[in-house]
Protein backbone atom coordinates (compact mmCIF):
# COMPACT_ATOMS: atom_id res chain seq x y z
CA UNK A 1 9.74 30.43 62.63
CA UNK A 2 6.29 31.20 64.03
CA UNK A 3 6.25 32.88 67.44
CA UNK A 4 3.50 32.70 70.07
CA UNK A 5 2.28 35.91 71.71
CA UNK A 6 1.70 35.42 75.43
CA UNK A 7 -1.11 36.78 77.59
CA UNK A 8 0.77 39.41 79.65
CA UNK A 9 1.00 39.06 83.42
CA UNK A 10 -0.26 42.28 84.99
CA UNK A 11 0.93 42.14 88.58
CA UNK A 12 1.99 39.28 90.81
CA UNK A 13 -1.57 38.49 91.92
CA UNK A 14 -3.16 38.20 88.47
CA UNK A 15 -3.59 34.61 87.26
CA UNK A 16 -5.84 35.11 84.22
CA UNK A 17 -7.27 37.84 81.99
CA UNK A 18 -10.33 38.11 79.75
CA UNK A 19 -9.98 39.08 76.09
CA UNK A 20 -12.42 41.91 75.40
CA UNK A 21 -11.68 42.74 71.74
CA UNK A 22 -9.41 41.69 68.88
CA UNK A 23 -7.95 44.53 66.81
CA UNK A 24 -6.33 42.24 64.23
CA UNK A 25 -7.66 39.24 62.33
CA UNK A 26 -6.00 36.14 60.91
CA UNK A 27 -4.02 37.04 57.79
CA UNK A 28 -3.30 40.65 58.81
CA UNK A 29 0.23 41.96 58.59
CA UNK A 30 1.50 42.94 62.03
CA UNK A 31 4.39 45.22 63.02
CA UNK A 32 6.10 45.49 66.39
CA UNK A 33 4.03 47.80 68.58
CA UNK A 34 0.70 47.19 66.82
CA UNK A 35 -2.24 46.61 69.16
CA UNK A 36 -3.29 42.97 68.83
CA UNK A 37 -6.09 42.74 71.37
CA UNK A 38 -7.60 44.35 74.47
CA UNK A 39 -7.99 42.48 77.73
CA UNK A 40 -9.18 42.99 81.29
CA UNK A 41 -8.33 41.85 84.77
CA UNK A 42 -11.04 42.15 87.42
CA UNK A 43 -9.76 45.66 88.16
CA UNK A 44 -8.36 47.28 85.01
CA UNK A 45 -8.23 47.07 81.23
CA UNK A 46 -5.16 46.93 78.98
CA UNK A 47 -4.03 46.58 75.37
CA UNK A 48 -1.51 43.99 74.20
CA UNK A 49 1.11 45.25 71.75
CA UNK A 50 2.80 42.88 69.34
CA UNK A 51 6.41 42.03 70.14
CA UNK A 52 6.92 40.44 66.70
CA UNK A 53 6.56 41.39 63.04
CA UNK A 54 4.95 39.19 60.42
CA UNK A 55 1.55 37.75 59.59
CA UNK A 56 -1.07 36.87 62.19
CA UNK A 57 -1.29 33.14 61.46
CA UNK A 58 -3.80 31.99 64.04
CA UNK A 59 -5.85 33.17 67.01
CA UNK A 60 -6.21 30.64 69.80
CA UNK A 61 -8.82 32.38 71.96
CA UNK A 62 -11.87 34.41 71.05
CA UNK A 63 -13.38 37.53 72.60
CA UNK A 64 -14.83 36.80 76.03
CA UNK A 65 -12.45 33.91 76.77
CA UNK A 66 -10.61 33.89 80.09
CA UNK A 67 -6.97 33.09 79.36
CA UNK A 68 -4.30 32.17 81.94
CA UNK A 69 -1.35 34.55 82.00
CA UNK A 70 1.82 33.59 80.12
CA UNK A 71 -0.16 31.34 77.73
CA UNK A 72 -0.03 31.74 73.94
CA UNK A 73 -2.96 33.79 72.70
CA UNK A 74 -2.05 33.90 69.00
CA UNK A 75 0.80 33.13 66.61
CA UNK A 76 2.76 35.42 64.29
CA UNK A 77 5.10 34.26 61.53
CA UNK A 78 5.31 33.58 57.80
CA UNK A 79 2.23 32.41 55.88
CA UNK A 80 2.11 28.63 55.58
CA UNK A 81 3.99 27.87 58.80
CA UNK A 82 2.62 25.18 61.11
CA UNK A 83 1.51 26.65 64.45
CA UNK A 84 0.01 23.52 66.01
CA UNK A 85 2.89 23.24 68.47
CA UNK A 86 2.10 26.73 69.75
CA UNK A 87 -1.58 26.04 70.34
CA UNK A 88 -2.22 25.77 74.11
CA UNK A 89 -4.40 23.09 75.62
CA UNK A 90 -7.97 24.29 75.97
CA UNK A 91 -7.68 26.90 73.20
CA UNK A 92 -10.95 27.66 71.46
CA UNK A 93 -9.18 27.97 68.09
CA UNK A 94 -11.76 30.46 66.90
CA UNK A 95 -11.06 33.60 64.94
CA UNK A 96 -12.33 36.80 66.51
CA UNK A 97 -15.96 37.56 65.94
CA UNK A 98 -16.83 40.32 63.54
CA UNK A 99 -17.79 43.57 65.21
CA UNK A 100 -21.42 43.52 66.11
CA UNK A 101 -23.67 45.96 64.33
CA UNK A 102 -25.00 48.78 66.48
CA UNK A 103 -28.44 48.16 67.85
CA UNK A 104 -30.97 50.28 66.03
CA UNK A 105 -33.55 51.92 68.24
CA UNK A 106 -36.98 50.43 68.02
CA UNK A 107 -39.27 52.36 65.68
CA UNK A 108 -42.53 53.36 67.24
CA UNK A 109 -45.42 52.22 65.04
CA UNK A 110 -47.92 54.88 64.11
CA UNK A 111 -51.50 54.47 65.22
CA UNK A 112 -53.96 53.72 62.43
CA UNK A 113 -57.49 55.26 62.42
CA UNK A 114 -60.24 52.77 63.20
CA UNK A 115 -61.92 53.60 59.92
CA UNK A 116 -58.89 52.24 58.05
CA UNK A 117 -58.61 48.96 59.96
CA UNK A 118 -58.13 45.95 57.75
CA UNK A 119 -59.40 42.50 58.57
CA UNK A 120 -56.98 40.12 60.24
CA UNK A 121 -55.28 37.51 58.15
CA UNK A 122 -57.32 34.36 57.87
CA UNK A 123 -56.05 31.35 59.76
CA UNK A 124 -56.01 28.23 57.54
CA UNK A 125 -58.16 25.58 59.16
CA UNK A 126 -55.62 22.98 58.15
CA UNK A 127 -53.38 24.48 60.85
CA UNK A 128 -55.79 23.15 63.43
CA UNK A 129 -53.80 19.92 63.39
CA UNK A 130 -55.64 16.95 64.82
CA UNK A 131 -58.16 19.10 66.69
CA UNK A 132 -61.79 18.27 65.84
CA UNK A 133 -63.64 21.40 64.78
CA UNK A 134 -67.14 22.01 63.45
CA UNK A 135 -67.67 23.70 60.06
CA UNK A 136 -69.30 26.74 61.73
CA UNK A 137 -66.33 26.96 64.12
CA UNK A 138 -63.93 26.83 61.14
CA UNK A 139 -65.72 29.74 59.50
CA UNK A 140 -65.71 31.73 62.73
CA UNK A 141 -62.00 31.06 63.23
CA UNK A 142 -61.17 32.35 59.75
CA UNK A 143 -63.35 35.43 60.25
CA UNK A 144 -61.91 36.32 63.66
CA UNK A 145 -58.31 35.35 63.02
CA UNK A 146 -58.33 32.80 65.85
CA UNK A 147 -55.89 29.88 65.75
CA UNK A 148 -57.95 26.75 66.56
CA UNK A 149 -54.89 25.11 68.04
CA UNK A 150 -55.09 27.56 70.95
CA UNK A 151 -58.75 26.81 71.70
CA UNK A 152 -60.04 24.14 74.08
CA UNK A 153 -63.16 22.50 72.69
CA UNK A 154 -66.31 22.22 74.78
CA UNK A 155 -68.28 20.01 72.39
CA UNK A 156 -68.67 16.26 72.50
CA UNK A 157 -65.31 14.46 72.85
CA UNK A 158 -63.50 17.81 73.02
CA UNK A 159 -64.75 19.01 69.63
CA UNK A 160 -64.28 22.75 68.98
CA UNK A 161 -67.61 24.38 68.31
CA UNK A 162 -68.61 27.88 67.27
CA UNK A 163 -69.08 29.26 70.78
CA UNK A 164 -65.50 28.24 71.67
CA UNK A 165 -64.13 30.30 68.79
CA UNK A 166 -66.40 33.26 69.58
CA UNK A 167 -65.31 33.15 73.22
CA UNK A 168 -61.63 33.08 72.24
CA UNK A 169 -62.12 36.01 69.89
CA UNK A 170 -64.01 38.11 72.41
CA UNK A 171 -60.96 39.24 74.42
CA UNK A 172 -60.97 42.76 73.01
CA UNK A 173 -59.87 45.85 74.82
CA UNK A 174 -62.52 48.34 75.90
CA UNK A 175 -60.98 50.85 73.54
CA UNK A 176 -61.48 48.52 70.60
CA UNK A 177 -65.06 47.77 71.57
CA UNK A 178 -65.84 51.47 71.86
CA UNK A 179 -64.21 52.08 68.49
CA UNK A 180 -66.43 49.44 66.87
CA UNK A 181 -69.59 50.65 68.62
CA UNK A 182 -68.95 54.25 67.59
CA UNK A 183 -68.03 53.38 64.01
CA UNK A 184 -70.35 54.14 61.12
CA UNK A 185 -72.59 51.12 60.47
CA UNK A 186 -71.73 51.53 56.83
CA UNK A 187 -68.18 50.55 57.71
CA UNK A 188 -69.28 46.92 58.21
CA UNK A 189 -69.20 44.81 55.06
CA UNK A 190 -71.97 42.25 55.49
CA UNK A 191 -71.08 38.65 54.64
CA UNK A 192 -74.54 37.27 55.25
CA UNK A 193 -77.35 36.70 52.77
CA UNK A 194 -78.11 39.82 50.80
CA UNK A 195 -75.14 41.61 52.37
CA UNK A 196 -76.67 41.33 55.81
CA UNK A 197 -74.24 42.21 58.62
CA UNK A 198 -73.65 39.14 60.76
CA UNK A 199 -71.94 38.50 64.09
CA UNK A 200 -68.84 37.45 62.17
CA UNK A 201 -68.57 40.88 60.56
CA UNK A 202 -68.80 42.77 63.85
CA UNK A 203 -66.42 40.40 65.59
CA UNK A 204 -63.92 40.67 62.73
CA UNK A 205 -63.96 44.47 62.87
CA UNK A 206 -63.64 44.39 66.65
CA UNK A 207 -60.65 42.04 66.41
CA UNK A 208 -58.97 44.36 63.94
CA UNK A 209 -59.69 47.35 66.18
CA UNK A 210 -58.15 45.53 69.14
CA UNK A 211 -55.06 44.72 67.10
CA UNK A 212 -54.72 48.35 66.00
CA UNK A 213 -55.18 49.61 69.55
CA UNK A 214 -52.41 47.29 70.71
CA UNK A 215 -50.02 48.24 67.91
CA UNK A 216 -50.66 51.94 68.55
CA UNK A 217 -49.14 51.72 72.02
CA UNK A 218 -45.73 53.42 72.10
CA UNK A 219 -42.71 51.12 72.23
CA UNK A 220 -39.75 52.39 74.26
CA UNK A 221 -36.43 52.34 72.43
CA UNK A 222 -33.69 50.51 74.32
CA UNK A 223 -30.31 48.90 73.99
CA UNK A 224 -29.01 45.92 75.96
CA UNK A 225 -25.40 46.48 77.09
CA UNK A 226 -23.18 43.75 78.48
CA UNK A 227 -21.57 44.59 81.82
CA UNK A 228 -17.80 44.86 81.62
CA UNK A 229 -15.70 42.59 83.79
CA UNK A 230 -14.65 45.60 85.85
CA UNK A 231 -18.29 46.53 86.42
CA UNK A 232 -19.07 42.93 87.42
CA UNK A 233 -16.16 42.99 89.86
CA UNK A 234 -17.40 46.26 91.39
CA UNK A 235 -20.93 44.88 91.69
CA UNK A 236 -19.70 41.69 93.35
CA UNK A 237 -17.53 43.62 95.82
CA UNK A 238 -20.33 46.03 96.76
CA UNK A 239 -22.89 43.26 97.29
CA UNK A 240 -20.37 41.31 99.34
CA UNK A 241 -19.57 44.40 101.41
CA UNK A 242 -23.16 45.28 102.23
CA UNK A 243 -24.29 41.70 102.82
CA UNK A 244 -21.44 40.61 105.11
CA UNK A 245 -20.72 43.71 107.23
CA UNK A 246 -22.59 45.60 109.93
CA UNK A 247 -22.03 49.04 108.36
CA UNK A 248 -22.89 52.28 110.14
CA UNK A 249 -22.17 55.88 109.07
CA UNK A 250 -21.38 58.96 111.19
CA UNK A 251 -21.76 62.42 109.62
CA UNK A 252 -19.91 65.49 110.87
CA UNK A 253 -18.58 68.82 109.60
CA UNK A 254 -15.59 70.97 110.54
CA UNK A 255 -14.49 74.56 110.12
CA UNK A 256 -12.57 74.56 106.85
CA UNK A 257 -11.26 78.12 107.24
CA UNK A 258 -7.66 77.05 107.90
CA UNK A 259 -7.35 74.57 105.03
CA UNK A 260 -9.03 77.00 102.61
CA UNK A 261 -6.54 79.72 103.57
CA UNK A 262 -3.65 77.24 103.31
CA UNK A 263 -4.85 76.12 99.89
CA UNK A 264 -5.00 79.77 98.75
CA UNK A 265 -1.34 80.22 99.73
CA UNK A 266 -0.41 77.07 97.83
CA UNK A 267 -2.16 78.31 94.69
CA UNK A 268 -0.37 81.62 94.95
CA UNK A 269 3.15 80.39 95.70
CA UNK A 270 3.10 76.58 95.70
CA UNK A 271 4.12 75.88 92.13
CA UNK A 272 6.75 78.62 92.32
CA UNK A 273 8.24 76.74 95.29
CA UNK A 274 8.01 73.36 93.52
CA UNK A 275 5.08 72.05 95.56
CA UNK A 276 2.81 71.30 92.62
CA UNK A 277 -0.96 71.56 92.59
CA UNK A 278 -1.91 70.39 96.09
CA UNK A 279 -5.69 70.05 96.40
CA UNK A 280 -8.09 70.11 99.34
CA UNK A 281 -8.50 66.35 98.91
CA UNK A 282 -4.73 65.91 99.25
CA UNK A 283 -4.90 67.91 102.48
CA UNK A 284 -7.70 65.74 103.87
CA UNK A 285 -5.85 62.52 102.94
CA UNK A 286 -2.68 63.81 104.60
CA UNK A 287 -4.59 64.48 107.82
CA UNK A 288 -6.29 61.09 107.67
CA UNK A 289 -2.93 59.33 107.28
CA UNK A 290 -1.56 61.10 110.37
CA UNK A 291 -4.62 60.68 112.59
CA UNK A 292 -5.38 57.08 111.59
CA UNK A 293 -2.21 55.89 113.31
CA UNK A 294 -3.95 56.56 116.64
CA UNK A 295 -6.95 54.38 115.69
CA UNK A 296 -5.63 50.91 114.80
CA UNK A 297 -9.04 49.24 114.52
CA UNK A 298 -9.89 51.55 111.61
CA UNK A 299 -6.47 51.08 110.02
CA UNK A 300 -7.05 47.36 109.67
CA UNK A 301 -8.34 44.44 107.63
CA UNK A 302 -10.80 41.89 109.02
CA UNK A 303 -9.27 38.69 107.65
CA UNK A 304 -11.93 36.35 109.02
CA UNK A 305 -14.38 36.19 111.91
CA UNK A 306 -11.53 35.66 114.36
CA UNK A 307 -8.66 37.74 112.98
CA UNK A 308 -8.21 41.51 112.74
CA UNK A 309 -5.00 42.58 111.03
CA UNK A 310 -3.56 45.89 112.32
CA UNK A 311 -1.11 47.65 109.98
CA UNK A 312 2.00 49.41 111.20
CA UNK A 313 1.75 51.87 108.32
CA UNK A 314 -1.22 53.60 106.70
CA UNK A 315 -1.88 52.22 103.22
CA UNK A 316 -4.43 54.73 102.00
CA UNK A 317 -6.93 53.70 99.34
CA UNK A 318 -8.07 56.54 97.08
CA UNK A 319 -11.35 56.16 95.18
CA UNK A 320 -10.94 57.25 91.54
CA UNK A 321 -13.75 57.74 89.03
CA UNK A 322 -12.65 56.24 85.68
CA UNK A 323 -14.35 55.61 82.32
CA UNK A 324 -14.40 51.91 83.22
CA UNK A 325 -15.86 52.43 86.69
CA UNK A 326 -14.69 52.97 90.26
CA UNK A 327 -11.09 51.97 90.99
CA UNK A 328 -9.27 52.28 94.33
CA UNK A 329 -5.47 52.52 93.97
CA UNK A 330 -3.39 52.43 97.15
CA UNK A 331 -0.90 54.99 98.41
CA UNK A 332 1.38 52.72 100.43
CA UNK A 333 2.92 54.13 103.64
CA UNK A 334 1.02 57.40 103.22
CA UNK A 335 1.71 58.27 106.88
CA UNK A 336 5.44 58.53 106.13
CA UNK A 337 4.98 60.99 103.24
CA UNK A 338 5.13 64.76 103.21
CA UNK A 339 2.10 66.61 101.87
CA UNK A 340 3.78 67.27 98.52
CA UNK A 341 4.89 63.62 98.22
CA UNK A 342 1.41 62.34 98.97
CA UNK A 343 -0.12 64.78 96.48
CA UNK A 344 2.28 63.67 93.73
CA UNK A 345 1.65 59.98 94.42
CA UNK A 346 -2.13 60.54 94.35
CA UNK A 347 -1.99 62.30 90.98
CA UNK A 348 0.19 59.59 89.45
CA UNK A 349 -2.13 56.82 90.61
CA UNK A 350 -5.25 58.70 89.50
CA UNK A 351 -3.81 59.23 86.01
CA UNK A 352 -2.83 55.57 85.66
CA UNK A 353 -6.27 54.45 86.84
CA UNK A 354 -8.11 56.78 84.47
CA UNK A 355 -6.12 55.82 81.38
CA UNK A 356 -6.31 52.10 82.19
CA UNK A 357 -2.57 51.52 82.57
CA UNK A 358 -2.47 50.92 86.33
CA UNK A 359 -0.97 47.67 87.60
CA UNK A 360 -3.39 45.46 89.56
CA UNK A 361 -0.77 45.33 92.33
CA UNK A 362 -1.50 49.01 92.98
CA UNK A 363 -5.20 48.25 93.43
CA UNK A 364 -4.80 46.05 96.49
CA UNK A 365 -3.38 46.12 100.00
CA UNK A 366 -5.24 49.16 101.31
CA UNK A 367 -5.88 49.55 105.05
CA UNK A 368 -8.40 52.45 104.82
CA UNK A 369 -10.06 54.37 101.96
CA UNK A 370 -10.95 58.01 101.27
CA UNK A 371 -13.60 58.87 98.65
CA UNK A 372 -14.47 62.43 97.66
CA UNK A 373 -17.78 63.57 96.15
CA UNK A 374 -17.50 67.18 97.27
CA UNK A 375 -16.86 68.42 93.74
CA UNK A 376 -20.34 67.18 92.78
CA UNK A 377 -22.04 69.21 95.52
CA UNK A 378 -22.80 66.21 97.73
CA UNK A 379 -23.59 67.38 101.29
CA UNK A 380 -23.41 63.93 102.92
CA UNK A 381 -23.51 60.34 101.76
CA UNK A 382 -23.00 56.75 102.89
CA UNK A 383 -19.79 55.37 101.38
CA UNK A 384 -19.54 51.58 101.14
CA UNK A 385 -16.55 49.90 102.79
CA UNK A 386 -13.99 48.24 100.52
CA UNK A 387 -13.56 44.71 102.01
CA UNK A 388 -11.63 43.56 103.97
CA UNK A 389 -11.07 47.09 105.29
CA UNK A 390 -13.01 48.23 108.35
CA UNK A 391 -13.66 51.86 107.43
CA UNK A 392 -14.02 54.42 104.66
CA UNK A 393 -14.21 58.22 104.83
CA UNK A 394 -16.43 60.22 102.51
CA UNK A 395 -15.41 63.82 101.83
CA UNK A 396 -18.33 66.15 101.11
CA UNK A 397 -18.72 69.68 99.79
CA UNK A 398 -18.08 73.01 101.51
CA UNK A 399 -21.12 74.88 102.80
CA UNK A 400 -21.61 78.23 104.50
CA UNK A 401 -22.83 77.74 108.06
CA UNK A 402 -23.56 80.11 110.94
CA UNK A 403 -22.45 79.83 114.57
CA UNK A 404 -22.56 82.02 117.65
CA UNK A 405 -19.27 83.68 118.68
CA UNK A 406 -19.32 85.94 121.77
CA UNK A 407 -23.04 86.45 121.41
CA UNK A 408 -22.84 87.25 117.68
CA UNK A 409 -23.80 85.10 114.71
CA UNK A 410 -20.90 84.60 112.31
CA UNK A 411 -20.73 82.72 109.04
CA UNK A 412 -17.96 80.26 108.27
CA UNK A 413 -17.08 77.66 105.63
CA UNK A 414 -17.71 74.07 106.76
CA UNK A 415 -16.70 70.83 105.05
CA UNK A 416 -18.70 67.63 105.63
CA UNK A 417 -17.22 64.22 106.39
CA UNK A 418 -19.03 60.85 106.35
CA UNK A 419 -17.35 57.90 108.07
CA UNK A 420 -18.68 54.40 107.43
CA UNK A 421 -17.26 51.74 109.75
CA UNK A 422 -17.74 48.04 110.32
CA UNK A 423 -19.64 47.80 113.60
CA UNK A 424 -18.43 44.22 114.08
CA UNK A 425 -14.98 45.68 114.78
CA UNK A 426 -15.46 49.35 115.66
CA UNK A 427 -18.14 50.71 118.00
CA UNK A 428 -19.83 54.07 117.57
CA UNK A 429 -17.83 55.89 120.24
CA UNK A 430 -14.35 54.96 118.90
CA UNK A 431 -15.48 55.93 115.40
CA UNK A 432 -16.71 59.28 116.76
CA UNK A 433 -13.38 59.85 118.51
CA UNK A 434 -11.54 59.32 115.22
CA UNK A 435 -13.77 61.87 113.50
CA UNK A 436 -13.32 64.37 116.33
CA UNK A 437 -9.53 64.09 116.24
CA UNK A 438 -9.55 64.38 112.44
CA UNK A 439 -11.71 67.51 112.54
CA UNK A 440 -9.37 69.13 115.09
CA UNK A 441 -6.37 68.29 112.89
CA UNK A 442 -8.02 69.80 109.81
CA UNK A 443 -9.20 72.90 111.65
CA UNK A 444 -5.61 73.44 112.76
CA UNK A 445 -3.86 72.08 109.69
CA UNK A 446 -0.98 74.56 109.83
CA UNK A 447 -0.10 73.16 113.24
CA UNK A 448 -0.46 69.55 112.03
CA UNK A 449 2.25 70.22 109.45
CA UNK A 450 4.60 71.20 112.26
CA UNK A 451 4.34 67.79 113.99
C-alpha cells in the first residue's frame, strides 16, 4: 500500500516549511534513509530522509512551495498504485523542476575598428505599418537603419518626411561622429549619381560607427541569485529592529590581563582536568550571564509599547556565523551554569547551527545576545538588537594600549566591548553602569569565579 511522507515538524513553534530542493524524482527507487528533499524554516535548513522503501510514485509539492507541517509531501509505494487519497488539499501536483543550468557569464564583445564597420541592416518599409511616409523618407530610413514606426511625422496630416528620418538618425555619439570625420574619404561608398557621396552615405557610416561604439563598451558579467528564506528572515528582522527601536551604542574597553592569564592556564591544564577548550568568548558570556542579573531592563523583552517582560533567568543568545547566514541559538538559564557547562553548551549549539541540524526551538526565547567579531580584528562596531530583546553586546578584538601607573607609562592588553540598547527602555546611564560592572567583573575574573 502506498505511504505518504509527511513534512516534518521542526520544533513546537514551526507551522510550515518551504521545500528548497528535490533530490529524487517520480519513478526513482527509494530506500529507507535516502534524502528525498531539502526544506527550510525561517531560521534553519534541513533534509528529509525517507522512512519507507519503494518507488517514488508522486510528488505533491514543488520546489519553492510552503507546506504545512505534518502534511503529505509525496507518496512511496509500488508502481501502479493509486495515490489520490494521499494527495493533500492545495497540493500543486507538480514534479520537481529540473536543475537549472548555471548562468554563464556575459561575454564582453570586442570592439571593431571604424574602418571595418558594416552598414546597418536595412529596415523594410513595409514595417512602417499604417504610417504615411514619403518615398525620400523611405530611402533615408533604409539607408540609416531607422524604423519608421518610431518616428513622428512632421509633414501634412502627420506624414513622415525625409527630415524626420534624418533627425531620428542623427542621435550619434560624439565618438562616432569623430570616427566618421577622421575616416578616410575613400571609405565612403557613394550611392549618388556617378558614385557621388551623398548625405545618406555619411549618415549610414555614422550610424554604423555609433553602433560599434556602443557595442564596444564593456559589459559586466553578473549572476542573479535568489535570496534564501533564512536570508529573507534575517533581512526582515534587521529592518524591523532598526526601524522600530531607538538604538544607541556605548563603546568601552577593559584590561584583559586577568582573562588572558586565566585562558593560558586553561590551555595548559584545562583539558587534562576535563574542562574542555574554554575560549575567551565563553569567559565573556559567563561574566555577562552573572552581571546581567543585576540589570533587569537589559535582561528583558519589550512585548509591546506597554509591556516589558523581565526574566528571572538569563537566556543568553549567541550569534553564530553559518553558511546559511547569521543564527542566534539560545543558552537557556546561562546564569545557573558553571563556566565549563556554559562552554560545552555553546559549542554544541554552534555546531548544530553551522551544520543546519539545530531545532528552531533553540533559536528563540533569548533575553539578551552576545556577538563576537574580535577574531576578525574588529575594534568596535554597532551590533543590531535581536527583537524583542532590549540589548546586545558586541565583543571586539584585543589591542595593546598604554596607561600611566605611578607616573610611568605601561602597556597592557585591552578588549573592546560595544553595547547597543533600546533607548525606549534603557537610558544611557543605566547602560553605562552595566558596562562598568561587566568590565570590573572581567578584569577580576578569578574573583568572579569564587562568587
